[in-house]
């Protein structure tokens, strides 16, 4: 019985697979290097962040959802990479008359004192992330000389309604926003 020709050249196939794996590892290395460079050379690397809420912080409301990140108020497509502010992560948003506290998974917690909050409203997105119209709570706040926008999206419609109550509460506290 005649033999069929070999279908696969195994050494060449293994060489191509190893080459593809090496190319992917190199691409991931470059991505990681760029990420590290952005976090260390960020124009916002000087910003001080309070990682934990003060001991006197007692939340009056809690909503679980997604922290979308932080961007400069002048450019919603740019992420503030320093100090984990630009990291998208699962989070719970807690608030009280003292401030807002985002407890995040896999990233540094963020506390925003109510005295730093300039505006709270609903928008389409922040930090390069776009969602449905009016589904992202955007908190505009001042940290040092920088004015930042942080975005949070609730997991459920009930949570979204609670965030709407938070927006009304902050507007009452800050007065009319121009």
C-alpha atoms as a PDB file:
ATOM      1  CA  UNK A   1       0.000   0.000   0.000  1.00  0.00           C
ATOM      2  CA  UNK A   2       1.446   3.406  -0.948  1.00  0.00           C
ATOM      3  CA  UNK A   3       2.300   5.866   1.828  1.00  0.00           C
ATOM      4  CA  UNK A   4       0.822   9.337   1.856  1.00  0.00           C
ATOM      5  CA  UNK A   5       3.014  12.398   1.984  1.00  0.00           C
ATOM      6  CA  UNK A   6       3.598  13.933   5.414  1.00  0.00           C
ATOM      7  CA  UNK A   7       0.964  16.554   6.082  1.00  0.00           C
ATOM      8  CA  UNK A   8       2.803  18.606   8.636  1.00  0.00           C
ATOM      9  CA  UNK A   9       6.418  19.665   8.865  1.00  0.00           C
ATOM     10  CA  UNK A  10       6.626  19.435  12.698  1.00  0.00           C
ATOM     11  CA  UNK A  11       9.915  21.264  13.196  1.00  0.00           C
ATOM     12  CA  UNK A  12       8.693  24.221  11.123  1.00  0.00           C
ATOM     13  CA  UNK A  13       5.330  24.271  12.903  1.00  0.00           C
ATOM     14  CA  UNK A  14       6.970  24.234  16.350  1.00  0.00           C
ATOM     15  CA  UNK A  15       9.306  27.014  15.253  1.00  0.00           C
ATOM     16  CA  UNK A  16       6.337  29.142  14.080  1.00  0.00           C
ATOM     17  CA  UNK A  17       4.428  28.546  17.329  1.00  0.00           C
ATOM     18  CA  UNK A  18       7.484  29.474  19.397  1.00  0.00           C
ATOM     19  CA  UNK A  19       7.927  32.601  17.259  1.00  0.00           C
ATOM     20  CA  UNK A  20       4.303  33.656  17.817  1.00  0.00           C
ATOM     21  CA  UNK A  21       4.587  33.098  21.566  1.00  0.00           C
ATOM     22  CA  UNK A  22       7.801  35.160  21.644  1.00  0.00           C
ATOM     23  CA  UNK A  23       6.075  37.951  19.665  1.00  0.00           C
ATOM     24  CA  UNK A  24       3.124  38.017  22.090  1.00  0.00           C
ATOM     25  CA  UNK A  25       5.424  38.088  25.124  1.00  0.00           C
ATOM     26  CA  UNK A  26       7.335  40.989  23.543  1.00  0.00           C
ATOM     27  CA  UNK A  27       4.105  42.916  22.864  1.00  0.00           C
ATOM     28  CA  UNK A  28       2.909  42.382  26.456  1.00  0.00           C
ATOM     29  CA  UNK A  29       6.316  43.511  27.714  1.00  0.00           C
ATOM     30  CA  UNK A  30       6.035  46.739  25.693  1.00  0.00           C
ATOM     31  CA  UNK A  31       2.489  47.337  26.968  1.00  0.00           C
ATOM     32  CA  UNK A  32       3.593  46.854  30.582  1.00  0.00           C
ATOM     33  CA  UNK A  33       6.592  49.136  30.059  1.00  0.00           C
ATOM     34  CA  UNK A  34       4.373  51.869  28.611  1.00  0.00           C
ATOM     35  CA  UNK A  35       1.930  51.533  31.526  1.00  0.00           C
ATOM     36  CA  UNK A  36       4.760  51.880  34.049  1.00  0.00           C
ATOM     37  CA  UNK A  37       6.143  54.878  32.176  1.00  0.00           C
ATOM     38  CA  UNK A  38       2.757  56.608  32.226  1.00  0.00           C
ATOM     39  CA  UNK A  39       2.299  56.021  35.944  1.00  0.00           C
ATOM     40  CA  UNK A  40       5.732  57.370  36.871  1.00  0.00           C
ATOM     41  CA  UNK A  41       5.957  60.263  34.400  1.00  0.00           C
ATOM     42  CA  UNK A  42       2.378  61.424  34.653  1.00  0.00           C
ATOM     43  CA  UNK A  43       1.785  65.156  34.845  1.00  0.00           C
ATOM     44  CA  UNK A  44      -0.415  64.381  37.858  1.00  0.00           C
ATOM     45  CA  UNK A  45       2.162  62.345  39.790  1.00  0.00           C
ATOM     46  CA  UNK A  46       2.416  65.110  42.401  1.00  0.00           C
ATOM     47  CA  UNK A  47      -1.207  64.748  43.533  1.00  0.00           C
ATOM     48  CA  UNK A  48      -1.756  63.805  47.174  1.00  0.00           C
ATOM     49  CA  UNK A  49      -4.440  61.167  47.687  1.00  0.00           C
ATOM     50  CA  UNK A  50      -6.130  60.175  50.920  1.00  0.00           C
ATOM     51  CA  UNK A  51      -6.341  56.400  50.624  1.00  0.00           C
ATOM     52  CA  UNK A  52      -8.729  55.813  53.481  1.00  0.00           C
ATOM     53  CA  UNK A  53     -11.664  57.735  54.796  1.00  0.00           C
ATOM     54  CA  UNK A  54     -11.164  59.460  58.145  1.00  0.00           C
ATOM     55  CA  UNK A  55     -12.219  57.607  61.274  1.00  0.00           C
ATOM     56  CA  UNK A  56     -15.191  59.944  61.648  1.00  0.00           C
ATOM     57  CA  UNK A  57     -16.604  58.876  58.248  1.00  0.00           C
ATOM     58  CA  UNK A  58     -19.992  57.172  58.698  1.00  0.00           C
ATOM     59  CA  UNK A  59     -21.664  56.424  55.349  1.00  0.00           C
ATOM     60  CA  UNK A  60     -25.302  57.406  54.866  1.00  0.00           C
ATOM     61  CA  UNK A  61     -25.533  55.585  51.525  1.00  0.00           C
ATOM     62  CA  UNK A  62     -23.765  52.726  49.748  1.00  0.00           C
ATOM     63  CA  UNK A  63     -23.970  51.609  46.100  1.00  0.00           C
ATOM     64  CA  UNK A  64     -21.928  48.893  44.410  1.00  0.00           C
ATOM     65  CA  UNK A  65     -20.777  49.344  40.855  1.00  0.00           C
ATOM     66  CA  UNK A  66     -17.849  50.119  38.610  1.00  0.00           C
ATOM     67  CA  UNK A  67     -15.310  52.893  39.155  1.00  0.00           C
ATOM     68  CA  UNK A  68     -14.530  53.955  35.585  1.00  0.00           C
ATOM     69  CA  UNK A  69     -11.452  56.025  36.334  1.00  0.00           C
ATOM     70  CA  UNK A  70     -10.367  59.633  36.609  1.00  0.00           C
ATOM     71  CA  UNK A  71      -9.504  62.143  33.920  1.00  0.00           C
ATOM     72  CA  UNK A  72      -8.582  65.821  33.865  1.00  0.00           C
ATOM     73  CA  UNK A  73     -11.717  67.956  33.620  1.00  0.00           C
ATOM     74  CA  UNK A  74     -10.382  69.534  30.441  1.00  0.00           C
ATOM     75  CA  UNK A  75      -9.850  66.214  28.610  1.00  0.00           C
ATOM     76  CA  UNK A  76     -12.204  63.309  29.317  1.00  0.00           C
ATOM     77  CA  UNK A  77     -10.268  61.007  26.967  1.00  0.00           C
ATOM     78  CA  UNK A  78      -7.059  61.175  29.046  1.00  0.00           C
ATOM     79  CA  UNK A  79      -6.675  59.009  32.146  1.00  0.00           C
ATOM     80  CA  UNK A  80      -4.886  60.220  35.239  1.00  0.00           C
ATOM     81  CA  UNK A  81      -2.511  57.298  35.629  1.00  0.00           C
ATOM     82  CA  UNK A  82      -0.791  58.255  38.860  1.00  0.00           C
ATOM     83  CA  UNK A  83      -1.779  56.735  42.181  1.00  0.00           C
ATOM     84  CA  UNK A  84      -4.283  54.278  40.632  1.00  0.00           C
ATOM     85  CA  UNK A  85      -6.803  57.040  39.888  1.00  0.00           C
ATOM     86  CA  UNK A  86      -7.145  55.946  36.261  1.00  0.00           C
ATOM     87  CA  UNK A  87      -7.612  52.261  37.048  1.00  0.00           C
ATOM     88  CA  UNK A  88     -11.021  50.859  36.201  1.00  0.00           C
ATOM     89  CA  UNK A  89     -12.196  48.562  38.973  1.00  0.00           C
ATOM     90  CA  UNK A  90     -15.147  47.088  40.829  1.00  0.00           C
ATOM     91  CA  UNK A  91     -16.041  49.386  43.701  1.00  0.00           C
ATOM     92  CA  UNK A  92     -18.573  50.492  46.247  1.00  0.00           C
ATOM     93  CA  UNK A  93     -19.440  54.161  46.490  1.00  0.00           C
ATOM     94  CA  UNK A  94     -20.158  55.360  50.022  1.00  0.00           C
ATOM     95  CA  UNK A  95     -21.119  58.885  50.917  1.00  0.00           C
ATOM     96  CA  UNK A  96     -21.824  61.057  53.893  1.00  0.00           C
ATOM     97  CA  UNK A  97     -21.948  64.801  54.557  1.00  0.00           C
ATOM     98  CA  UNK A  98     -18.146  64.591  54.945  1.00  0.00           C
ATOM     99  CA  UNK A  99     -17.346  63.159  51.518  1.00  0.00           C
ATOM    100  CA  UNK A 100     -17.356  60.283  49.043  1.00  0.00           C
ATOM    101  CA  UNK A 101     -15.406  57.067  49.576  1.00  0.00           C
ATOM    102  CA  UNK A 102     -14.748  54.533  46.827  1.00  0.00           C
ATOM    103  CA  UNK A 103     -13.649  51.150  48.156  1.00  0.00           C
ATOM    104  CA  UNK A 104     -12.062  49.494  45.116  1.00  0.00           C
ATOM    105  CA  UNK A 105     -11.004  45.930  44.360  1.00  0.00           C
ATOM    106  CA  UNK A 106      -7.503  45.606  42.962  1.00  0.00           C
ATOM    107  CA  UNK A 107      -6.766  49.329  43.221  1.00  0.00           C
ATOM    108  CA  UNK A 108      -6.166  51.973  45.856  1.00  0.00           C
ATOM    109  CA  UNK A 109      -9.255  53.259  47.648  1.00  0.00           C
ATOM    110  CA  UNK A 110     -10.184  56.871  46.914  1.00  0.00           C
ATOM    111  CA  UNK A 111     -11.669  59.328  49.397  1.00  0.00           C
ATOM    112  CA  UNK A 112     -12.947  62.681  48.134  1.00  0.00           C
ATOM    113  CA  UNK A 113     -13.674  65.238  50.821  1.00  0.00           C
ATOM    114  CA  UNK A 114     -16.977  67.043  50.195  1.00  0.00           C
ATOM    115  CA  UNK A 115     -15.121  70.338  50.390  1.00  0.00           C
ATOM    116  CA  UNK A 116     -13.184  69.354  47.253  1.00  0.00           C
ATOM    117  CA  UNK A 117     -16.284  68.440  45.219  1.00  0.00           C
ATOM    118  CA  UNK A 118     -17.140  71.087  42.634  1.00  0.00           C
ATOM    119  CA  UNK A 119     -19.973  69.355  40.788  1.00  0.00           C
ATOM    120  CA  UNK A 120     -21.794  66.036  40.564  1.00  0.00           C
ATOM    121  CA  UNK A 121     -23.864  65.041  37.572  1.00  0.00           C
ATOM    122  CA  UNK A 122     -24.699  62.293  35.142  1.00  0.00           C
ATOM    123  CA  UNK A 123     -22.951  61.976  31.828  1.00  0.00           C
ATOM    124  CA  UNK A 124     -21.952  59.529  29.132  1.00  0.00           C
ATOM    125  CA  UNK A 125     -18.520  58.637  30.377  1.00  0.00           C
ATOM    126  CA  UNK A 126     -15.140  59.574  31.736  1.00  0.00           C
ATOM    127  CA  UNK A 127     -11.501  58.523  31.293  1.00  0.00           C
ATOM    128  CA  UNK A 128     -12.038  57.285  27.748  1.00  0.00           C
ATOM    129  CA  UNK A 129     -14.978  55.069  28.745  1.00  0.00           C
ATOM    130  CA  UNK A 130     -18.317  55.770  27.084  1.00  0.00           C
ATOM    131  CA  UNK A 131     -21.623  54.383  28.357  1.00  0.00           C
ATOM    132  CA  UNK A 132     -25.301  55.105  27.743  1.00  0.00           C
ATOM    133  CA  UNK A 133     -26.418  58.702  28.115  1.00  0.00           C
ATOM    134  CA  UNK A 134     -26.930  59.644  31.760  1.00  0.00           C
ATOM    135  CA  UNK A 135     -25.646  56.344  33.166  1.00  0.00           C
ATOM    136  CA  UNK A 136     -22.335  57.499  34.647  1.00  0.00           C
ATOM    137  CA  UNK A 137     -22.101  59.555  37.816  1.00  0.00           C
ATOM    138  CA  UNK A 138     -19.344  62.099  37.145  1.00  0.00           C
ATOM    139  CA  UNK A 139     -17.797  63.756  40.174  1.00  0.00           C
ATOM    140  CA  UNK A 140     -15.823  66.917  39.393  1.00  0.00           C
ATOM    141  CA  UNK A 141     -13.409  67.703  42.192  1.00  0.00           C
ATOM    142  CA  UNK A 142     -10.318  69.720  42.864  1.00  0.00           C
ATOM    143  CA  UNK A 143      -7.116  68.224  44.165  1.00  0.00           C
ATOM    144  CA  UNK A 144      -4.378  70.769  44.604  1.00  0.00           C
ATOM    145  CA  UNK A 145      -4.437  72.865  41.458  1.00  0.00           C
ATOM    146  CA  UNK A 146      -5.822  70.070  39.291  1.00  0.00           C
ATOM    147  CA  UNK A 147      -9.524  69.761  38.508  1.00  0.00           C
ATOM    148  CA  UNK A 148     -10.456  66.113  37.973  1.00  0.00           C
ATOM    149  CA  UNK A 149     -13.497  64.114  36.856  1.00  0.00           C
ATOM    150  CA  UNK A 150     -14.069  60.669  38.349  1.00  0.00           C
ATOM    151  CA  UNK A 151     -16.737  58.334  37.010  1.00  0.00           C
ATOM    152  CA  UNK A 152     -18.844  55.688  38.741  1.00  0.00           C
ATOM    153  CA  UNK A 153     -21.576  53.467  37.319  1.00  0.00           C
ATOM    154  CA  UNK A 154     -24.023  51.553  39.519  1.00  0.00           C
ATOM    155  CA  UNK A 155     -24.658  47.837  38.986  1.00  0.00           C
ATOM    156  CA  UNK A 156     -28.432  48.025  39.316  1.00  0.00           C
ATOM    157  CA  UNK A 157     -31.217  50.456  38.508  1.00  0.00           C
ATOM    158  CA  UNK A 158     -31.936  50.796  42.239  1.00  0.00           C
ATOM    159  CA  UNK A 159     -28.317  51.820  42.768  1.00  0.00           C
ATOM    160  CA  UNK A 160     -28.634  54.308  39.919  1.00  0.00           C
ATOM    161  CA  UNK A 161     -31.674  55.847  41.640  1.00  0.00           C
ATOM    162  CA  UNK A 162     -29.668  56.150  44.869  1.00  0.00           C
ATOM    163  CA  UNK A 163     -26.907  57.909  42.940  1.00  0.00           C
ATOM    164  CA  UNK A 164     -29.530  60.321  41.599  1.00  0.00           C
ATOM    165  CA  UNK A 165     -30.444  61.096  45.211  1.00  0.00           C
ATOM    166  CA  UNK A 166     -26.739  61.658  45.926  1.00  0.00           C
ATOM    167  CA  UNK A 167     -26.590  64.106  43.004  1.00  0.00           C
ATOM    168  CA  UNK A 168     -29.563  66.066  44.420  1.00  0.00           C
ATOM    169  CA  UNK A 169     -28.010  66.045  47.892  1.00  0.00           C
ATOM    170  CA  UNK A 170     -24.684  67.414  46.610  1.00  0.00           C
ATOM    171  CA  UNK A 171     -26.431  70.070  44.512  1.00  0.00           C
ATOM    172  CA  UNK A 172     -28.350  71.225  47.605  1.00  0.00           C
ATOM    173  CA  UNK A 173     -25.139  71.328  49.622  1.00  0.00           C
ATOM    174  CA  UNK A 174     -23.115  73.176  46.952  1.00  0.00           C
ATOM    175  CA  UNK A 175     -25.912  75.452  45.804  1.00  0.00           C
ATOM    176  CA  UNK A 176     -26.808  76.134  42.175  1.00  0.00           C
ATOM    177  CA  UNK A 177     -24.137  75.010  39.759  1.00  0.00           C
ATOM    178  CA  UNK A 178     -23.486  77.220  36.786  1.00  0.00           C
END
